[in-house]
Amino acid sequence: MKIAGMLLILAGVVALIYGGFSYTSHKKAVDLGAIQIERTENHTLPVPPILGIIAIAGGGCLLYFGARRGR
């Protein structure tokens, strides 16, 4: 439980700091046998700050209740 709680807190902090992530996709624009032209697109997926806050709170609960139950 402690490891899961720490990972949730870390993921929440990262989500709050970066605010999302981006990736690149490649698509074929033209395909004429030996001639191929690719088009590169950049995509950004935002992560709402509320998800980061919920992850931090959930991780804190896991740490608290995991340590409490272990006694």
N, C-alpha and C. Protein backbone atom coordinates (compact mmCIF):
# COMPACT_ATOMS: atom_id res chain seq x y z
N MET A 1 0.81 -1.19 0.00
CA MET A 1 0.00 0.00 0.00
C MET A 1 0.86 1.26 0.00
N LYS A 2 1.98 1.20 0.71
CA LYS A 2 2.82 2.39 0.79
C LYS A 2 3.40 2.75 -0.57
N ILE A 3 3.81 1.73 -1.32
CA ILE A 3 4.41 2.01 -2.63
C ILE A 3 3.37 2.59 -3.58
N ALA A 4 2.15 2.04 -3.55
CA ALA A 4 1.08 2.56 -4.41
C ALA A 4 0.75 4.00 -4.02
N GLY A 5 0.73 4.29 -2.74
CA GLY A 5 0.46 5.65 -2.29
C GLY A 5 1.53 6.63 -2.74
N MET A 6 2.78 6.22 -2.63
CA MET A 6 3.88 7.09 -3.08
C MET A 6 3.83 7.32 -4.59
N LEU A 7 3.51 6.26 -5.34
CA LEU A 7 3.42 6.41 -6.79
C LEU A 7 2.27 7.34 -7.19
N LEU A 8 1.13 7.24 -6.48
CA LEU A 8 0.01 8.14 -6.77
C LEU A 8 0.37 9.59 -6.46
N ILE A 9 1.05 9.82 -5.36
CA ILE A 9 1.47 11.18 -5.02
C ILE A 9 2.44 11.71 -6.07
N LEU A 10 3.39 10.89 -6.47
CA LEU A 10 4.35 11.30 -7.49
C LEU A 10 3.66 11.60 -8.81
N ALA A 11 2.71 10.75 -9.22
CA ALA A 11 1.98 10.98 -10.46
C ALA A 11 1.15 12.26 -10.38
N GLY A 12 0.55 12.55 -9.22
CA GLY A 12 -0.21 13.77 -9.04
C GLY A 12 0.64 15.02 -9.14
N VAL A 13 1.83 14.97 -8.54
CA VAL A 13 2.74 16.12 -8.61
C VAL A 13 3.21 16.34 -10.04
N VAL A 14 3.54 15.26 -10.74
CA VAL A 14 3.98 15.38 -12.14
C VAL A 14 2.84 15.95 -12.99
N ALA A 15 1.61 15.50 -12.74
CA ALA A 15 0.47 16.01 -13.51
C ALA A 15 0.26 17.49 -13.26
N LEU A 16 0.47 17.94 -12.04
CA LEU A 16 0.32 19.37 -11.75
C LEU A 16 1.45 20.20 -12.36
N ILE A 17 2.65 19.66 -12.37
CA ILE A 17 3.79 20.42 -12.90
C ILE A 17 3.72 20.52 -14.42
N TYR A 18 3.53 19.39 -15.11
CA TYR A 18 3.56 19.39 -16.57
C TYR A 18 2.23 19.75 -17.21
N GLY A 19 1.13 19.41 -16.59
CA GLY A 19 -0.17 19.78 -17.13
C GLY A 19 -0.62 18.97 -18.33
N GLY A 20 0.09 17.95 -18.71
CA GLY A 20 -0.30 17.12 -19.84
C GLY A 20 0.92 16.52 -20.50
N PHE A 21 0.68 15.84 -21.61
CA PHE A 21 1.80 15.27 -22.35
C PHE A 21 1.51 15.37 -23.84
N SER A 22 2.56 15.26 -24.62
CA SER A 22 2.41 15.37 -26.07
C SER A 22 3.08 14.18 -26.75
N TYR A 23 2.60 13.89 -27.95
CA TYR A 23 3.18 12.82 -28.74
C TYR A 23 3.10 13.20 -30.21
N THR A 24 3.88 12.50 -31.03
CA THR A 24 3.96 12.76 -32.46
C THR A 24 3.46 11.55 -33.22
N SER A 25 2.65 11.79 -34.25
CA SER A 25 2.19 10.70 -35.10
C SER A 25 2.61 10.98 -36.54
N HIS A 26 2.84 9.91 -37.28
CA HIS A 26 3.25 10.02 -38.68
C HIS A 26 2.15 9.42 -39.55
N LYS A 27 1.74 10.16 -40.56
CA LYS A 27 0.71 9.68 -41.49
C LYS A 27 1.24 9.82 -42.91
N LYS A 28 0.86 8.86 -43.75
CA LYS A 28 1.24 8.95 -45.16
C LYS A 28 0.32 9.94 -45.86
N ALA A 29 0.93 10.94 -46.49
CA ALA A 29 0.16 11.93 -47.24
C ALA A 29 0.02 11.50 -48.69
N VAL A 30 1.11 10.96 -49.26
CA VAL A 30 1.11 10.51 -50.65
C VAL A 30 1.82 9.17 -50.71
N ASP A 31 1.23 8.21 -51.43
CA ASP A 31 1.85 6.90 -51.61
C ASP A 31 1.70 6.50 -53.08
N LEU A 32 2.75 6.77 -53.84
CA LEU A 32 2.75 6.46 -55.27
C LEU A 32 3.83 5.44 -55.58
N GLY A 33 3.70 4.26 -55.03
CA GLY A 33 4.69 3.21 -55.28
C GLY A 33 5.99 3.52 -54.58
N ALA A 34 7.00 3.93 -55.36
CA ALA A 34 8.32 4.21 -54.80
C ALA A 34 8.38 5.58 -54.13
N ILE A 35 7.44 6.42 -54.44
CA ILE A 35 7.43 7.77 -53.85
C ILE A 35 6.42 7.80 -52.70
N GLN A 36 6.92 8.13 -51.52
CA GLN A 36 6.06 8.23 -50.35
C GLN A 36 6.38 9.53 -49.62
N ILE A 37 5.34 10.22 -49.24
CA ILE A 37 5.49 11.46 -48.47
C ILE A 37 4.73 11.28 -47.17
N GLU A 38 5.43 11.52 -46.05
CA GLU A 38 4.80 11.41 -44.74
C GLU A 38 4.55 12.79 -44.15
N ARG A 39 3.51 12.86 -43.36
CA ARG A 39 3.18 14.10 -42.67
C ARG A 39 3.28 13.84 -41.17
N THR A 40 3.95 14.71 -40.45
CA THR A 40 4.12 14.58 -39.02
C THR A 40 3.15 15.52 -38.31
N GLU A 41 2.43 14.96 -37.34
CA GLU A 41 1.50 15.77 -36.55
C GLU A 41 1.86 15.68 -35.07
N ASN A 42 1.87 16.82 -34.41
CA ASN A 42 2.09 16.87 -32.98
C ASN A 42 0.75 16.99 -32.27
N HIS A 43 0.53 16.14 -31.29
CA HIS A 43 -0.71 16.14 -30.52
C HIS A 43 -0.39 16.42 -29.05
N THR A 44 -1.25 17.17 -28.40
CA THR A 44 -1.09 17.45 -26.98
C THR A 44 -2.35 17.02 -26.24
N LEU A 45 -2.17 16.26 -25.18
CA LEU A 45 -3.28 15.83 -24.34
C LEU A 45 -3.15 16.50 -22.98
N PRO A 46 -4.01 17.45 -22.67
CA PRO A 46 -3.92 18.12 -21.38
C PRO A 46 -4.48 17.24 -20.25
N VAL A 47 -3.87 17.36 -19.08
CA VAL A 47 -4.35 16.67 -17.89
C VAL A 47 -4.91 17.75 -16.96
N PRO A 48 -6.20 17.67 -16.62
CA PRO A 48 -6.78 18.69 -15.74
C PRO A 48 -6.11 18.68 -14.37
N PRO A 49 -5.91 19.85 -13.78
CA PRO A 49 -5.27 19.92 -12.46
C PRO A 49 -6.05 19.16 -11.38
N ILE A 50 -7.36 19.04 -11.53
CA ILE A 50 -8.14 18.34 -10.52
C ILE A 50 -7.72 16.87 -10.43
N LEU A 51 -7.31 16.26 -11.56
CA LEU A 51 -6.84 14.87 -11.51
C LEU A 51 -5.55 14.75 -10.72
N GLY A 52 -4.67 15.72 -10.84
CA GLY A 52 -3.45 15.72 -10.04
C GLY A 52 -3.74 15.85 -8.56
N ILE A 53 -4.68 16.72 -8.22
CA ILE A 53 -5.05 16.90 -6.81
C ILE A 53 -5.69 15.64 -6.26
N ILE A 54 -6.56 15.00 -7.05
CA ILE A 54 -7.21 13.76 -6.61
C ILE A 54 -6.17 12.65 -6.41
N ALA A 55 -5.19 12.58 -7.30
CA ALA A 55 -4.14 11.56 -7.17
C ALA A 55 -3.31 11.79 -5.91
N ILE A 56 -2.99 13.03 -5.61
CA ILE A 56 -2.21 13.34 -4.41
C ILE A 56 -3.02 12.99 -3.16
N ALA A 57 -4.30 13.35 -3.15
CA ALA A 57 -5.15 13.05 -1.99
C ALA A 57 -5.32 11.54 -1.83
N GLY A 58 -5.53 10.83 -2.92
CA GLY A 58 -5.68 9.38 -2.86
C GLY A 58 -4.40 8.70 -2.38
N GLY A 59 -3.27 9.17 -2.84
CA GLY A 59 -1.99 8.62 -2.38
C GLY A 59 -1.76 8.89 -0.91
N GLY A 60 -2.15 10.08 -0.46
CA GLY A 60 -2.03 10.40 0.96
C GLY A 60 -2.92 9.50 1.82
N CYS A 61 -4.13 9.23 1.33
CA CYS A 61 -5.03 8.32 2.06
C CYS A 61 -4.45 6.91 2.11
N LEU A 62 -3.90 6.44 1.01
CA LEU A 62 -3.29 5.11 1.02
C LEU A 62 -2.12 5.04 1.99
N LEU A 63 -1.30 6.08 2.03
CA LEU A 63 -0.18 6.08 2.97
C LEU A 63 -0.68 6.11 4.41
N TYR A 64 -1.66 6.94 4.69
CA TYR A 64 -2.16 7.08 6.05
C TYR A 64 -2.83 5.80 6.52
N PHE A 65 -3.78 5.30 5.74
CA PHE A 65 -4.51 4.11 6.18
C PHE A 65 -3.68 2.83 6.08
N GLY A 66 -2.71 2.81 5.17
CA GLY A 66 -1.82 1.66 5.09
C GLY A 66 -0.91 1.56 6.30
N ALA A 67 -0.40 2.71 6.76
CA ALA A 67 0.45 2.72 7.95
C ALA A 67 -0.38 2.46 9.20
N ARG A 68 -1.61 2.92 9.23
CA ARG A 68 -2.47 2.74 10.40
C ARG A 68 -2.88 1.28 10.54
N ARG A 69 -3.17 0.63 9.42
CA ARG A 69 -3.61 -0.77 9.49
C ARG A 69 -2.44 -1.70 9.82
N GLY A 70 -1.22 -1.31 9.50
CA GLY A 70 -0.06 -2.14 9.75
C GLY A 70 0.32 -2.25 11.21
N ARG A 71 -0.24 -1.44 12.08
CA ARG A 71 0.12 -1.45 13.50
C ARG A 71 -0.49 -2.57 14.25
